[in-house]
Amino acid sequence: MLRLALLTLALLAGCASPDRNFYEGIRQENARRQHEPGRDISRDAPPPGYDAYEKERQRLKEESPK
């Protein structure tokens, strides 16, 4: 049973996207900091999700001169 649990964890860890996790971690940290006590009442608009970010990144990569 323990082997099955470890195998499942290993498979799930292999499915994780390090780029997505890094981007989402930064985005969540920035959102958390905006809601700290003592911050100004005006809030920045939340940044786009990773999928929108990656789509824009690919578009810019294709448009750039080579």
Protein backbone atom coordinates (compact mmCIF):
# COMPACT_ATOMS: atom_id res chain seq x y z
CA MET A 1 0.00 0.00 0.00
CA LEU A 2 2.85 2.37 0.84
CA ARG A 3 4.47 1.65 -2.52
CA LEU A 4 1.23 2.55 -4.30
CA ALA A 5 1.04 5.85 -2.41
CA LEU A 6 4.68 6.68 -3.22
CA LEU A 7 4.19 5.77 -6.88
CA THR A 8 1.10 7.99 -7.05
CA LEU A 9 3.00 10.90 -5.49
CA ALA A 10 5.90 10.43 -7.89
CA LEU A 11 3.55 10.45 -10.89
CA LEU A 12 1.76 13.56 -9.68
CA ALA A 13 5.04 15.36 -9.08
CA GLY A 14 6.08 14.55 -12.65
CA CYS A 15 2.92 16.21 -13.98
CA ALA A 16 3.63 19.54 -12.31
CA SER A 17 4.85 22.38 -14.50
CA PRO A 18 7.72 24.22 -12.76
CA ASP A 19 7.12 27.34 -14.87
CA ARG A 20 3.43 27.42 -13.98
CA ASN A 21 4.11 26.83 -10.30
CA PHE A 22 6.73 29.60 -10.20
CA TYR A 23 4.44 32.09 -11.98
CA GLU A 24 1.42 31.28 -9.82
CA GLY A 25 3.53 31.48 -6.64
CA ILE A 26 4.76 34.97 -7.53
CA ARG A 27 1.21 36.04 -8.46
CA GLN A 28 -0.24 34.77 -5.18
CA GLU A 29 2.52 36.40 -3.14
CA ASN A 30 1.89 39.75 -4.81
CA ALA A 31 -1.86 39.42 -4.18
CA ARG A 32 -1.20 38.57 -0.53
CA ARG A 33 1.05 41.60 -0.09
CA GLN A 34 -1.63 43.92 -1.48
CA HIS A 35 -3.96 42.95 1.35
CA GLU A 36 -1.50 43.52 4.20
CA PRO A 37 -2.63 45.90 6.93
CA GLY A 38 -1.42 49.44 6.36
CA ARG A 39 -1.49 49.20 2.58
CA ASP A 40 -3.15 51.91 0.56
CA ILE A 41 -6.81 51.23 -0.22
CA SER A 42 -6.34 51.30 -4.01
CA ARG A 43 -5.59 47.83 -5.32
CA ASP A 44 -3.81 46.87 -8.51
CA ALA A 45 -5.70 44.75 -11.01
CA PRO A 46 -4.80 41.08 -10.63
CA PRO A 47 -2.28 39.87 -13.21
CA PRO A 48 -3.46 37.39 -15.84
CA GLY A 49 -3.37 33.68 -15.13
CA TYR A 50 -0.53 31.49 -16.37
CA ASP A 51 -2.39 30.38 -19.50
CA ALA A 52 -2.92 33.98 -20.66
CA TYR A 53 0.69 34.79 -19.78
CA GLU A 54 2.02 31.83 -21.77
CA LYS A 55 -0.22 32.65 -24.76
CA GLU A 56 1.06 36.25 -24.85
CA ARG A 57 4.64 35.05 -24.44
CA GLN A 58 4.30 32.71 -27.42
CA ARG A 59 2.70 35.47 -29.52
CA LEU A 60 5.58 37.84 -28.78
CA LYS A 61 8.12 35.11 -29.50
CA GLU A 62 6.57 34.48 -32.94
CA GLU A 63 6.43 38.22 -33.78
CA SER A 64 10.03 38.96 -32.81
CA PRO A 65 12.53 39.33 -35.68
CA LYS A 66 14.95 36.48 -36.03
